[in-house]
C-alpha atoms as a PDB file:
ATOM      1  CA  UNK A   1      67.388 -54.989  81.646  1.00  0.00           C
ATOM      2  CA  UNK A   2      64.078 -54.600  83.199  1.00  0.00           C
ATOM      3  CA  UNK A   3      62.736 -53.219  79.846  1.00  0.00           C
ATOM      4  CA  UNK A   4      63.582 -56.615  78.188  1.00  0.00           C
ATOM      5  CA  UNK A   5      61.441 -58.404  80.764  1.00  0.00           C
ATOM      6  CA  UNK A   6      58.545 -55.881  80.282  1.00  0.00           C
ATOM      7  CA  UNK A   7      58.841 -56.273  76.559  1.00  0.00           C
ATOM      8  CA  UNK A   8      58.920 -60.055  76.854  1.00  0.00           C
ATOM      9  CA  UNK A   9      55.792 -60.000  79.182  1.00  0.00           C
ATOM     10  CA  UNK A  10      54.012 -57.641  76.693  1.00  0.00           C
ATOM     11  CA  UNK A  11      54.786 -59.937  73.763  1.00  0.00           C
ATOM     12  CA  UNK A  12      53.724 -62.992  75.541  1.00  0.00           C
ATOM     13  CA  UNK A  13      50.403 -61.346  76.296  1.00  0.00           C
ATOM     14  CA  UNK A  14      50.035 -60.291  72.662  1.00  0.00           C
ATOM     15  CA  UNK A  15      50.882 -63.764  71.577  1.00  0.00           C
ATOM     16  CA  UNK A  16      47.702 -65.049  73.144  1.00  0.00           C
ATOM     17  CA  UNK A  17      45.382 -62.413  71.563  1.00  0.00           C
ATOM     18  CA  UNK A  18      43.080 -63.366  68.659  1.00  0.00           C
ATOM     19  CA  UNK A  19      44.904 -61.043  66.266  1.00  0.00           C
ATOM     20  CA  UNK A  20      48.377 -62.246  66.988  1.00  0.00           C
ATOM     21  CA  UNK A  21      48.477 -64.400  63.681  1.00  0.00           C
ATOM     22  CA  UNK A  22      47.699 -61.365  61.650  1.00  0.00           C
ATOM     23  CA  UNK A  23      50.401 -59.342  63.355  1.00  0.00           C
ATOM     24  CA  UNK A  24      52.884 -62.181  62.769  1.00  0.00           C
ATOM     25  CA  UNK A  25      51.776 -62.455  59.066  1.00  0.00           C
ATOM     26  CA  UNK A  26      52.395 -58.644  58.677  1.00  0.00           C
ATOM     27  CA  UNK A  27      55.776 -58.863  60.400  1.00  0.00           C
ATOM     28  CA  UNK A  28      56.996 -61.937  58.406  1.00  0.00           C
ATOM     29  CA  UNK A  29      55.837 -60.268  55.243  1.00  0.00           C
ATOM     30  CA  UNK A  30      57.670 -56.920  55.637  1.00  0.00           C
ATOM     31  CA  UNK A  31      60.742 -58.493  57.005  1.00  0.00           C
ATOM     32  CA  UNK A  32      61.347 -60.362  53.794  1.00  0.00           C
ATOM     33  CA  UNK A  33      61.644 -57.200  51.786  1.00  0.00           C
ATOM     34  CA  UNK A  34      62.273 -54.083  54.000  1.00  0.00           C
ATOM     35  CA  UNK A  35      62.000 -54.566  57.750  1.00  0.00           C
ATOM     36  CA  UNK A  36      65.181 -55.331  59.704  1.00  0.00           C
ATOM     37  CA  UNK A  37      63.767 -57.354  62.497  1.00  0.00           C
ATOM     38  CA  UNK A  38      63.104 -61.093  61.955  1.00  0.00           C
ATOM     39  CA  UNK A  39      59.748 -62.612  62.752  1.00  0.00           C
ATOM     40  CA  UNK A  40      61.163 -64.846  65.388  1.00  0.00           C
ATOM     41  CA  UNK A  41      60.710 -62.223  67.961  1.00  0.00           C
ATOM     42  CA  UNK A  42      56.983 -62.888  67.673  1.00  0.00           C
ATOM     43  CA  UNK A  43      57.145 -66.548  66.427  1.00  0.00           C
ATOM     44  CA  UNK A  44      58.965 -67.732  69.491  1.00  0.00           C
ATOM     45  CA  UNK A  45      56.573 -66.217  72.171  1.00  0.00           C
ATOM     46  CA  UNK A  46      53.545 -67.250  70.145  1.00  0.00           C
ATOM     47  CA  UNK A  47      54.586 -70.799  70.122  1.00  0.00           C
ATOM     48  CA  UNK A  48      55.617 -70.751  73.839  1.00  0.00           C
ATOM     49  CA  UNK A  49      52.201 -69.222  74.734  1.00  0.00           C
ATOM     50  CA  UNK A  50      50.164 -71.735  72.603  1.00  0.00           C
ATOM     51  CA  UNK A  51      52.122 -74.839  71.779  1.00  0.00           C
ATOM     52  CA  UNK A  52      49.084 -76.708  70.308  1.00  0.00           C
ATOM     53  CA  UNK A  53      49.243 -74.119  67.506  1.00  0.00           C
ATOM     54  CA  UNK A  54      52.908 -74.529  66.700  1.00  0.00           C
ATOM     55  CA  UNK A  55      52.421 -75.748  63.244  1.00  0.00           C
ATOM     56  CA  UNK A  56      49.796 -73.128  62.345  1.00  0.00           C
ATOM     57  CA  UNK A  57      52.035 -70.464  63.596  1.00  0.00           C
ATOM     58  CA  UNK A  58      55.090 -71.730  61.671  1.00  0.00           C
ATOM     59  CA  UNK A  59      52.792 -72.095  58.533  1.00  0.00           C
ATOM     60  CA  UNK A  60      51.539 -68.625  58.793  1.00  0.00           C
ATOM     61  CA  UNK A  61      55.068 -67.250  59.275  1.00  0.00           C
ATOM     62  CA  UNK A  62      56.421 -69.237  56.354  1.00  0.00           C
ATOM     63  CA  UNK A  63      53.525 -68.243  53.849  1.00  0.00           C
ATOM     64  CA  UNK A  64      53.800 -64.622  54.810  1.00  0.00           C
ATOM     65  CA  UNK A  65      57.707 -64.692  54.563  1.00  0.00           C
ATOM     66  CA  UNK A  66      57.692 -66.263  51.113  1.00  0.00           C
ATOM     67  CA  UNK A  67      54.995 -63.853  49.960  1.00  0.00           C
ATOM     68  CA  UNK A  68      57.071 -60.954  51.301  1.00  0.00           C
ATOM     69  CA  UNK A  69      60.100 -62.548  49.612  1.00  0.00           C
ATOM     70  CA  UNK A  70      58.147 -62.155  46.234  1.00  0.00           C
ATOM     71  CA  UNK A  71      57.546 -58.535  47.069  1.00  0.00           C
ATOM     72  CA  UNK A  72      61.187 -58.090  47.520  1.00  0.00           C
ATOM     73  CA  UNK A  73      61.819 -59.967  44.276  1.00  0.00           C
ATOM     74  CA  UNK A  74      59.275 -57.545  42.686  1.00  0.00           C
ATOM     75  CA  UNK A  75      61.106 -54.534  44.093  1.00  0.00           C
ATOM     76  CA  UNK A  76      64.313 -55.740  42.616  1.00  0.00           C
ATOM     77  CA  UNK A  77      62.687 -56.822  39.223  1.00  0.00           C
ATOM     78  CA  UNK A  78      60.439 -53.730  38.669  1.00  0.00           C
ATOM     79  CA  UNK A  79      61.620 -50.926  40.918  1.00  0.00           C
ATOM     80  CA  UNK A  80      65.302 -51.470  41.493  1.00  0.00           C
ATOM     81  CA  UNK A  81      66.209 -47.871  40.628  1.00  0.00           C
ATOM     82  CA  UNK A  82      63.389 -46.248  42.404  1.00  0.00           C
ATOM     83  CA  UNK A  83      63.044 -48.440  45.544  1.00  0.00           C
ATOM     84  CA  UNK A  84      65.563 -51.277  45.593  1.00  0.00           C
ATOM     85  CA  UNK A  85      68.679 -49.227  45.094  1.00  0.00           C
ATOM     86  CA  UNK A  86      67.744 -46.826  47.975  1.00  0.00           C
ATOM     87  CA  UNK A  87      67.064 -49.744  50.300  1.00  0.00           C
ATOM     88  CA  UNK A  88      70.441 -51.374  49.472  1.00  0.00           C
ATOM     89  CA  UNK A  89      72.064 -47.856  49.827  1.00  0.00           C
ATOM     90  CA  UNK A  90      70.275 -47.466  53.280  1.00  0.00           C
ATOM     91  CA  UNK A  91      71.944 -50.736  54.502  1.00  0.00           C
ATOM     92  CA  UNK A  92      75.159 -49.797  53.018  1.00  0.00           C
ATOM     93  CA  UNK A  93      75.587 -52.561  50.365  1.00  0.00           C
ATOM     94  CA  UNK A  94      75.255 -50.637  47.098  1.00  0.00           C
ATOM     95  CA  UNK A  95      78.937 -50.596  46.317  1.00  0.00           C
ATOM     96  CA  UNK A  96      79.418 -54.230  46.309  1.00  0.00           C
ATOM     97  CA  UNK A  97      76.183 -55.108  44.828  1.00  0.00           C
ATOM     98  CA  UNK A  98      76.959 -54.917  41.185  1.00  0.00           C
ATOM     99  CA  UNK A  99      79.928 -57.285  41.421  1.00  0.00           C
ATOM    100  CA  UNK A 100      77.783 -59.596  43.413  1.00  0.00           C
ATOM    101  CA  UNK A 101      74.894 -59.516  40.939  1.00  0.00           C
ATOM    102  CA  UNK A 102      77.097 -60.413  38.068  1.00  0.00           C
ATOM    103  CA  UNK A 103      77.763 -63.972  39.390  1.00  0.00           C
ATOM    104  CA  UNK A 104      74.546 -64.268  41.380  1.00  0.00           C
ATOM    105  CA  UNK A 105      72.412 -66.486  39.146  1.00  0.00           C
ATOM    106  CA  UNK A 106      75.118 -69.272  39.025  1.00  0.00           C
ATOM    107  CA  UNK A 107      74.555 -69.939  42.848  1.00  0.00           C
ATOM    108  CA  UNK A 108      71.077 -68.281  43.197  1.00  0.00           C
ATOM    109  CA  UNK A 109      69.127 -71.252  44.487  1.00  0.00           C
ATOM    110  CA  UNK A 110      71.865 -71.970  47.258  1.00  0.00           C
ATOM    111  CA  UNK A 111      72.218 -68.319  48.139  1.00  0.00           C
ATOM    112  CA  UNK A 112      68.389 -67.962  48.526  1.00  0.00           C
ATOM    113  CA  UNK A 113      68.262 -71.130  50.610  1.00  0.00           C
ATOM    114  CA  UNK A 114      71.226 -70.131  52.788  1.00  0.00           C
ATOM    115  CA  UNK A 115      69.884 -66.613  53.428  1.00  0.00           C
ATOM    116  CA  UNK A 116      66.378 -67.874  54.154  1.00  0.00           C
ATOM    117  CA  UNK A 117      67.628 -70.282  56.866  1.00  0.00           C
ATOM    118  CA  UNK A 118      70.276 -68.210  58.586  1.00  0.00           C
ATOM    119  CA  UNK A 119      70.443 -64.677  60.302  1.00  0.00           C
ATOM    120  CA  UNK A 120      71.857 -63.298  56.988  1.00  0.00           C
ATOM    121  CA  UNK A 121      69.387 -60.417  55.897  1.00  0.00           C
ATOM    122  CA  UNK A 122      66.945 -62.320  53.633  1.00  0.00           C
ATOM    123  CA  UNK A 123      65.576 -59.124  52.292  1.00  0.00           C
ATOM    124  CA  UNK A 124      68.832 -58.374  50.398  1.00  0.00           C
ATOM    125  CA  UNK A 125      68.667 -61.736  48.798  1.00  0.00           C
ATOM    126  CA  UNK A 126      65.021 -61.241  47.737  1.00  0.00           C
ATOM    127  CA  UNK A 127      65.819 -57.893  46.121  1.00  0.00           C
ATOM    128  CA  UNK A 128      69.037 -59.233  44.569  1.00  0.00           C
ATOM    129  CA  UNK A 129      67.112 -62.170  43.025  1.00  0.00           C
ATOM    130  CA  UNK A 130      64.682 -59.738  41.258  1.00  0.00           C
ATOM    131  CA  UNK A 131      67.395 -57.412  40.126  1.00  0.00           C
ATOM    132  CA  UNK A 132      69.447 -60.406  38.641  1.00  0.00           C
ATOM    133  CA  UNK A 133      66.180 -61.931  37.382  1.00  0.00           C
ATOM    134  CA  UNK A 134      66.884 -65.234  39.095  1.00  0.00           C
ATOM    135  CA  UNK A 135      64.294 -67.872  37.801  1.00  0.00           C
ATOM    136  CA  UNK A 136      61.112 -67.175  39.908  1.00  0.00           C
ATOM    137  CA  UNK A 137      60.320 -70.847  40.321  1.00  0.00           C
ATOM    138  CA  UNK A 138      63.859 -71.506  41.669  1.00  0.00           C
ATOM    139  CA  UNK A 139      63.544 -68.522  43.861  1.00  0.00           C
ATOM    140  CA  UNK A 140      60.092 -69.599  45.204  1.00  0.00           C
ATOM    141  CA  UNK A 141      61.076 -73.313  45.893  1.00  0.00           C
ATOM    142  CA  UNK A 142      64.317 -72.282  47.581  1.00  0.00           C
ATOM    143  CA  UNK A 143      62.426 -69.781  49.694  1.00  0.00           C
ATOM    144  CA  UNK A 144      59.672 -72.185  50.766  1.00  0.00           C
ATOM    145  CA  UNK A 145      62.200 -74.933  51.663  1.00  0.00           C
ATOM    146  CA  UNK A 146      64.489 -72.549  53.663  1.00  0.00           C
ATOM    147  CA  UNK A 147      62.092 -70.299  55.389  1.00  0.00           C
ATOM    148  CA  UNK A 148      59.699 -73.139  56.043  1.00  0.00           C
ATOM    149  CA  UNK A 149      62.607 -75.178  57.405  1.00  0.00           C
ATOM    150  CA  UNK A 150      63.786 -72.412  59.674  1.00  0.00           C
ATOM    151  CA  UNK A 151      60.319 -71.552  61.060  1.00  0.00           C
ATOM    152  CA  UNK A 152      59.141 -75.192  61.474  1.00  0.00           C
ATOM    153  CA  UNK A 153      62.408 -76.209  63.008  1.00  0.00           C
ATOM    154  CA  UNK A 154      61.972 -73.355  65.628  1.00  0.00           C
ATOM    155  CA  UNK A 155      58.401 -74.333  66.123  1.00  0.00           C
ATOM    156  CA  UNK A 156      59.273 -78.049  66.551  1.00  0.00           C
ATOM    157  CA  UNK A 157      62.003 -77.398  69.111  1.00  0.00           C
ATOM    158  CA  UNK A 158      59.639 -75.154  71.123  1.00  0.00           C
ATOM    159  CA  UNK A 159      56.693 -77.711  70.804  1.00  0.00           C
ATOM    160  CA  UNK A 160      58.923 -80.529  71.867  1.00  0.00           C
ATOM    161  CA  UNK A 161      60.661 -78.985  74.856  1.00  0.00           C
ATOM    162  CA  UNK A 162      57.712 -76.897  75.809  1.00  0.00           C
ATOM    163  CA  UNK A 163      57.645 -75.635  79.419  1.00  0.00           C
ATOM    164  CA  UNK A 164      61.354 -76.528  80.143  1.00  0.00           C
ATOM    165  CA  UNK A 165      62.274 -74.187  77.172  1.00  0.00           C
ATOM    166  CA  UNK A 166      59.935 -71.607  78.260  1.00  0.00           C
ATOM    167  CA  UNK A 167      61.449 -71.501  81.673  1.00  0.00           C
ATOM    168  CA  UNK A 168      64.982 -71.597  80.134  1.00  0.00           C
ATOM    169  CA  UNK A 169      64.025 -68.360  78.044  1.00  0.00           C
ATOM    170  CA  UNK A 170      62.407 -66.728  80.984  1.00  0.00           C
ATOM    171  CA  UNK A 171      65.392 -67.368  83.342  1.00  0.00           C
ATOM    172  CA  UNK A 172      68.017 -66.339  80.723  1.00  0.00           C
ATOM    173  CA  UNK A 173      66.290 -63.429  78.967  1.00  0.00           C
ATOM    174  CA  UNK A 174      68.922 -60.848  79.230  1.00  0.00           C
ATOM    175  CA  UNK A 175      71.549 -63.215  77.852  1.00  0.00           C
ATOM    176  CA  UNK A 176      69.302 -64.463  75.031  1.00  0.00           C
ATOM    177  CA  UNK A 177      68.373 -60.890  74.227  1.00  0.00           C
ATOM    178  CA  UNK A 178      72.103 -59.912  73.741  1.00  0.00           C
ATOM    179  CA  UNK A 179      72.623 -63.229  71.677  1.00  0.00           C
ATOM    180  CA  UNK A 180      69.759 -62.328  69.483  1.00  0.00           C
ATOM    181  CA  UNK A 181      71.126 -58.948  68.811  1.00  0.00           C
ATOM    182  CA  UNK A 182      74.500 -60.386  68.252  1.00  0.00           C
ATOM    183  CA  UNK A 183      73.243 -62.851  65.724  1.00  0.00           C
ATOM    184  CA  UNK A 184      71.268 -60.025  64.052  1.00  0.00           C
ATOM    185  CA  UNK A 185      74.236 -57.719  63.875  1.00  0.00           C
ATOM    186  CA  UNK A 186      76.401 -60.613  62.706  1.00  0.00           C
ATOM    187  CA  UNK A 187      74.076 -61.304  59.931  1.00  0.00           C
ATOM    188  CA  UNK A 188      74.255 -57.682  58.602  1.00  0.00           C
ATOM    189  CA  UNK A 189      77.969 -57.722  59.095  1.00  0.00           C
ATOM    190  CA  UNK A 190      78.238 -60.948  57.010  1.00  0.00           C
ATOM    191  CA  UNK A 191      76.097 -59.252  54.290  1.00  0.00           C
ATOM    192  CA  UNK A 192      78.337 -56.156  54.331  1.00  0.00           C
ATOM    193  CA  UNK A 193      81.572 -58.230  53.768  1.00  0.00           C
ATOM    194  CA  UNK A 194      80.171 -60.986  51.655  1.00  0.00           C
ATOM    195  CA  UNK A 195      78.095 -58.963  49.351  1.00  0.00           C
END
Protein backbone atom coordinates (compact mmCIF):
# COMPACT_ATOMS: atom_id res chain seq x y z
CA UNK A 1 0.00 0.00 0.00
CA UNK A 2 2.81 2.33 -0.95
CA UNK A 3 0.32 4.47 -2.94
CA UNK A 4 -1.65 5.17 0.28
CA UNK A 5 1.48 6.53 1.93
CA UNK A 6 2.30 8.64 -1.12
CA UNK A 7 -1.25 9.99 -1.21
CA UNK A 8 -1.14 10.73 2.53
CA UNK A 9 2.20 12.57 2.21
CA UNK A 10 0.87 14.56 -0.76
CA UNK A 11 -2.33 15.46 1.13
CA UNK A 12 -0.33 16.54 4.20
CA UNK A 13 1.81 18.78 1.99
CA UNK A 14 -1.31 20.28 0.37
CA UNK A 15 -2.90 20.81 3.80
CA UNK A 16 -0.13 23.27 4.66
CA UNK A 17 -0.50 25.37 1.50
CA UNK A 18 -2.30 28.71 1.50
CA UNK A 19 -5.07 27.51 -0.83
CA UNK A 20 -5.93 24.46 1.32
CA UNK A 21 -8.98 26.12 2.90
CA UNK A 22 -10.35 26.95 -0.56
CA UNK A 23 -9.93 23.32 -1.67
CA UNK A 24 -11.57 22.10 1.54
CA UNK A 25 -14.46 24.52 0.97
CA UNK A 26 -14.96 23.25 -2.59
CA UNK A 27 -14.81 19.57 -1.59
CA UNK A 28 -17.16 20.08 1.37
CA UNK A 29 -19.60 21.97 -0.85
CA UNK A 30 -19.82 19.42 -3.68
CA UNK A 31 -19.83 16.42 -1.32
CA UNK A 32 -23.13 17.61 0.15
CA UNK A 33 -24.92 17.45 -3.18
CA UNK A 34 -23.14 15.22 -5.72
CA UNK A 35 -19.58 14.12 -4.83
CA UNK A 36 -19.18 10.68 -3.14
CA UNK A 37 -15.98 11.28 -1.10
CA UNK A 38 -16.48 13.02 2.29
CA UNK A 39 -14.43 16.11 3.19
CA UNK A 40 -12.85 14.26 6.11
CA UNK A 41 -10.13 13.06 3.71
CA UNK A 42 -8.83 16.64 3.66
CA UNK A 43 -10.14 17.88 7.02
CA UNK A 44 -8.14 15.33 9.02
CA UNK A 45 -4.73 15.98 7.40
CA UNK A 46 -5.32 19.74 7.52
CA UNK A 47 -5.96 19.69 11.27
CA UNK A 48 -3.03 17.33 11.83
CA UNK A 49 -0.79 19.65 9.81
CA UNK A 50 -2.00 22.87 11.52
CA UNK A 51 -3.60 22.13 14.91
CA UNK A 52 -3.74 25.82 15.79
CA UNK A 53 -6.24 26.29 12.93
CA UNK A 54 -8.47 23.35 13.92
CA UNK A 55 -11.55 25.49 14.66
CA UNK A 56 -11.19 27.58 11.51
CA UNK A 57 -10.80 24.41 9.42
CA UNK A 58 -13.89 22.82 11.02
CA UNK A 59 -15.83 26.07 10.55
CA UNK A 60 -14.98 26.31 6.85
CA UNK A 61 -15.89 22.66 6.38
CA UNK A 62 -19.24 23.18 8.17
CA UNK A 63 -20.24 26.34 6.30
CA UNK A 64 -19.34 24.84 2.92
CA UNK A 65 -21.11 21.59 3.70
CA UNK A 66 -24.33 23.34 4.77
CA UNK A 67 -24.23 25.57 1.69
CA UNK A 68 -23.63 22.48 -0.44
CA UNK A 69 -26.54 20.84 1.34
CA UNK A 70 -28.71 23.80 0.32
CA UNK A 71 -27.56 23.27 -3.26
CA UNK A 72 -28.63 19.61 -2.95
CA UNK A 73 -31.95 20.81 -1.52
CA UNK A 74 -32.34 23.13 -4.53
CA UNK A 75 -31.57 20.23 -6.90
CA UNK A 76 -34.37 18.24 -5.32
CA UNK A 77 -36.76 21.18 -5.11
CA UNK A 78 -36.23 22.78 -8.52
CA UNK A 79 -34.50 20.19 -10.68
CA UNK A 80 -35.55 16.79 -9.44
CA UNK A 81 -36.61 15.45 -12.82
CA UNK A 82 -33.67 16.87 -14.76
CA UNK A 83 -30.84 16.55 -12.24
CA UNK A 84 -31.96 14.97 -8.95
CA UNK A 85 -33.55 11.88 -10.43
CA UNK A 86 -30.47 10.97 -12.54
CA UNK A 87 -28.21 11.40 -9.47
CA UNK A 88 -30.44 9.10 -7.43
CA UNK A 89 -30.57 6.68 -10.36
CA UNK A 90 -26.76 6.77 -10.66
CA UNK A 91 -26.44 5.71 -7.02
CA UNK A 92 -29.17 3.07 -7.49
CA UNK A 93 -31.77 4.57 -5.17
CA UNK A 94 -34.55 5.57 -7.55
CA UNK A 95 -36.79 2.51 -7.02
CA UNK A 96 -37.16 2.95 -3.29
CA UNK A 97 -37.12 6.72 -3.30
CA UNK A 98 -40.83 7.32 -3.88
CA UNK A 99 -41.95 5.21 -0.89
CA UNK A 100 -39.30 6.90 1.21
CA UNK A 101 -40.41 10.40 0.13
CA UNK A 102 -44.01 9.76 1.18
CA UNK A 103 -43.17 9.54 4.90
CA UNK A 104 -40.03 11.65 4.85
CA UNK A 105 -41.30 14.93 6.29
CA UNK A 106 -42.63 13.29 9.45
CA UNK A 107 -39.08 12.46 10.54
CA UNK A 108 -37.22 14.94 8.32
CA UNK A 109 -35.25 16.84 10.98
CA UNK A 110 -34.00 13.59 12.57
CA UNK A 111 -33.16 12.10 9.18
CA UNK A 112 -31.13 15.16 8.16
CA UNK A 113 -29.36 15.22 11.54
CA UNK A 114 -28.56 11.49 11.39
CA UNK A 115 -27.24 11.60 7.84
CA UNK A 116 -25.24 14.75 8.51
CA UNK A 117 -23.37 13.20 11.42
CA UNK A 118 -22.82 9.63 10.15
CA UNK A 119 -21.20 8.03 7.06
CA UNK A 120 -24.69 7.80 5.50
CA UNK A 121 -24.58 9.64 2.13
CA UNK A 122 -25.69 13.16 3.12
CA UNK A 123 -26.22 14.14 -0.53
CA UNK A 124 -29.19 11.76 -0.78
CA UNK A 125 -30.83 13.43 2.19
CA UNK A 126 -30.25 16.95 0.87
CA UNK A 127 -31.89 16.07 -2.44
CA UNK A 128 -34.70 14.17 -0.70
CA UNK A 129 -35.34 17.18 1.53
CA UNK A 130 -35.83 19.36 -1.54
CA UNK A 131 -38.00 16.83 -3.35
CA UNK A 132 -40.28 16.36 -0.34
CA UNK A 133 -40.15 20.12 0.38
CA UNK A 134 -39.03 19.67 3.97
CA UNK A 135 -39.23 23.03 5.75
CA UNK A 136 -36.04 24.90 4.75
CA UNK A 137 -35.49 26.25 8.28
CA UNK A 138 -35.75 22.77 9.77
CA UNK A 139 -33.38 21.44 7.12
CA UNK A 140 -30.85 24.23 7.72
CA UNK A 141 -30.83 23.96 11.51
CA UNK A 142 -30.52 20.15 11.40
CA UNK A 143 -27.70 20.47 8.86
CA UNK A 144 -25.76 23.07 10.87
CA UNK A 145 -26.08 21.05 14.08
CA UNK A 146 -25.17 17.67 12.56
CA UNK A 147 -22.48 18.72 10.10
CA UNK A 148 -20.97 21.19 12.56
CA UNK A 149 -21.14 18.57 15.31
CA UNK A 150 -19.34 16.04 13.16
CA UNK A 151 -16.60 18.31 11.82
CA UNK A 152 -15.96 20.09 15.13
CA UNK A 153 -15.85 16.76 16.97
CA UNK A 154 -13.22 15.45 14.54
CA UNK A 155 -11.24 18.71 14.82
CA UNK A 156 -11.50 18.68 18.64
CA UNK A 157 -10.23 15.11 18.90
CA UNK A 158 -7.35 15.83 16.54
CA UNK A 159 -6.55 19.09 18.35
CA UNK A 160 -6.70 17.45 21.77
CA UNK A 161 -4.59 14.39 20.96
CA UNK A 162 -2.32 16.17 18.44
CA UNK A 163 1.00 14.46 17.77
CA UNK A 164 0.07 11.08 19.31
CA UNK A 165 -2.92 10.79 17.01
CA UNK A 166 -0.82 11.88 14.05
CA UNK A 167 1.69 9.15 14.86
CA UNK A 168 -1.18 6.66 15.26
CA UNK A 169 -2.58 7.62 11.83
CA UNK A 170 0.82 7.44 10.17
CA UNK A 171 1.71 4.11 11.80
CA UNK A 172 -1.65 2.53 10.94
CA UNK A 173 -2.32 4.18 7.58
CA UNK A 174 -3.16 1.02 5.58
CA UNK A 175 -5.60 -0.26 8.21
CA UNK A 176 -7.23 3.17 8.60
CA UNK A 177 -7.55 3.49 4.82
CA UNK A 178 -9.41 0.18 4.63
CA UNK A 179 -11.57 1.21 7.59
CA UNK A 180 -12.42 4.51 5.88
CA UNK A 181 -13.47 2.73 2.68
CA UNK A 182 -15.47 0.17 4.68
CA UNK A 183 -17.37 2.97 6.45
CA UNK A 184 -17.95 4.75 3.15
CA UNK A 185 -19.21 1.57 1.50
CA UNK A 186 -21.28 0.79 4.60
CA UNK A 187 -22.94 4.19 4.36
CA UNK A 188 -23.91 3.60 0.74
CA UNK A 189 -25.14 0.07 1.52
CA UNK A 190 -27.19 1.38 4.44
CA UNK A 191 -28.71 3.98 2.13
CA UNK A 192 -29.50 1.31 -0.45
CA UNK A 193 -31.37 -0.88 2.04
CA UNK A 194 -32.93 1.85 4.19
CA UNK A 195 -34.11 4.19 1.47
